[in-house]
Amino acid sequence: MIGDREHDVYGARAHGIDCLGAAWGYGGEAELARAGAREVCATPADLLAPLGLAPVGLGS
């Protein structure tokens, strides 16, 4: 799951799934880390690596 508030992290954990923190949202990095997010990402592009995805180029 990807969430931007501590409640997202707690809810994911309650259902047995990991939560990546979206620090660009409402909660911020400290709140998400304190709640136990698997990793806190500063930007949407930072989600790619934890999700096992590679960036897509815009042409060659």
C-alpha atoms as a PDB file:
ATOM      1  CA  MET A   1       0.000   0.000   0.000  1.00  0.00           C
ATOM      2  CA  ILE A   2       1.067   3.596  -0.513  1.00  0.00           C
ATOM      3  CA  GLY A   3      -0.134   6.077   2.073  1.00  0.00           C
ATOM      4  CA  ASP A   4       0.516   9.602   3.236  1.00  0.00           C
ATOM      5  CA  ARG A   5      -0.749   9.471   6.842  1.00  0.00           C
ATOM      6  CA  GLU A   6       0.078   7.380   9.888  1.00  0.00           C
ATOM      7  CA  HIS A   7      -3.399   5.859   9.765  1.00  0.00           C
ATOM      8  CA  ASP A   8      -2.591   4.398   6.349  1.00  0.00           C
ATOM      9  CA  VAL A   9       0.473   2.674   7.810  1.00  0.00           C
ATOM     10  CA  TYR A  10      -1.482   1.341  10.792  1.00  0.00           C
ATOM     11  CA  GLY A  11      -4.321   0.132   8.567  1.00  0.00           C
ATOM     12  CA  ALA A  12      -1.956  -1.657   6.205  1.00  0.00           C
ATOM     13  CA  ARG A  13      -0.221  -3.368   9.115  1.00  0.00           C
ATOM     14  CA  ALA A  14      -3.580  -4.449  10.574  1.00  0.00           C
ATOM     15  CA  HIS A  15      -4.258  -6.257   7.294  1.00  0.00           C
ATOM     16  CA  GLY A  16      -0.810  -7.819   7.016  1.00  0.00           C
ATOM     17  CA  ILE A  17       0.553  -5.691   4.190  1.00  0.00           C
ATOM     18  CA  ASP A  18       3.497  -3.294   3.920  1.00  0.00           C
ATOM     19  CA  CYS A  19       3.006   0.421   3.466  1.00  0.00           C
ATOM     20  CA  LEU A  20       5.279   2.792   1.600  1.00  0.00           C
ATOM     21  CA  GLY A  21       5.058   6.328   2.917  1.00  0.00           C
ATOM     22  CA  ALA A  22       4.333   9.168   0.506  1.00  0.00           C
ATOM     23  CA  ALA A  23       6.122  12.118   2.133  1.00  0.00           C
ATOM     24  CA  TRP A  24       4.754  14.559  -0.452  1.00  0.00           C
ATOM     25  CA  GLY A  25       1.272  14.077   1.007  1.00  0.00           C
ATOM     26  CA  TYR A  26      -0.332  15.362   4.206  1.00  0.00           C
ATOM     27  CA  GLY A  27       1.526  13.390   6.879  1.00  0.00           C
ATOM     28  CA  GLY A  28       5.158  14.087   6.118  1.00  0.00           C
ATOM     29  CA  GLU A  29       8.296  12.012   6.517  1.00  0.00           C
ATOM     30  CA  ALA A  30       8.554  12.058  10.327  1.00  0.00           C
ATOM     31  CA  GLU A  31       4.948  10.948  10.865  1.00  0.00           C
ATOM     32  CA  LEU A  32       5.251   8.077   8.385  1.00  0.00           C
ATOM     33  CA  ALA A  33       8.596   6.881   9.741  1.00  0.00           C
ATOM     34  CA  ARG A  34       7.301   7.016  13.320  1.00  0.00           C
ATOM     35  CA  ALA A  35       4.266   4.935  12.298  1.00  0.00           C
ATOM     36  CA  GLY A  36       6.562   2.272  10.808  1.00  0.00           C
ATOM     37  CA  ALA A  37       6.272   2.705   7.049  1.00  0.00           C
ATOM     38  CA  ARG A  38       8.486   0.183   5.248  1.00  0.00           C
ATOM     39  CA  GLU A  39      10.153   3.082   3.456  1.00  0.00           C
ATOM     40  CA  VAL A  40       9.318   6.771   3.137  1.00  0.00           C
ATOM     41  CA  CYS A  41       9.516   8.178  -0.393  1.00  0.00           C
ATOM     42  CA  ALA A  42      10.048  11.895  -0.961  1.00  0.00           C
ATOM     43  CA  THR A  43       8.601  11.974  -4.493  1.00  0.00           C
ATOM     44  CA  PRO A  44       6.398   9.747  -6.644  1.00  0.00           C
ATOM     45  CA  ALA A  45       9.479   8.759  -8.676  1.00  0.00           C
ATOM     46  CA  ASP A  46      11.050   7.408  -5.471  1.00  0.00           C
ATOM     47  CA  LEU A  47       8.347   4.713  -5.368  1.00  0.00           C
ATOM     48  CA  LEU A  48       9.821   2.909  -8.373  1.00  0.00           C
ATOM     49  CA  ALA A  49      12.750   1.180  -6.651  1.00  0.00           C
ATOM     50  CA  PRO A  50      10.811  -0.155  -3.618  1.00  0.00           C
ATOM     51  CA  LEU A  51       8.170  -1.466  -6.012  1.00  0.00           C
ATOM     52  CA  GLY A  52      10.798  -3.164  -8.174  1.00  0.00           C
ATOM     53  CA  LEU A  53      10.080  -0.966 -11.173  1.00  0.00           C
ATOM     54  CA  ALA A  54      12.473   0.787 -13.537  1.00  0.00           C
ATOM     55  CA  PRO A  55      12.008   4.325 -14.806  1.00  0.00           C
ATOM     56  CA  VAL A  56      10.605   4.598 -18.306  1.00  0.00           C
ATOM     57  CA  GLY A  57      12.491   6.814 -20.739  1.00  0.00           C
ATOM     58  CA  LEU A  58      10.773   9.455 -22.815  1.00  0.00           C
ATOM     59  CA  GLY A  59      12.565   8.547 -26.003  1.00  0.00           C
ATOM     60  CA  SER A  60      16.008   7.620 -27.212  1.00  0.00           C
END
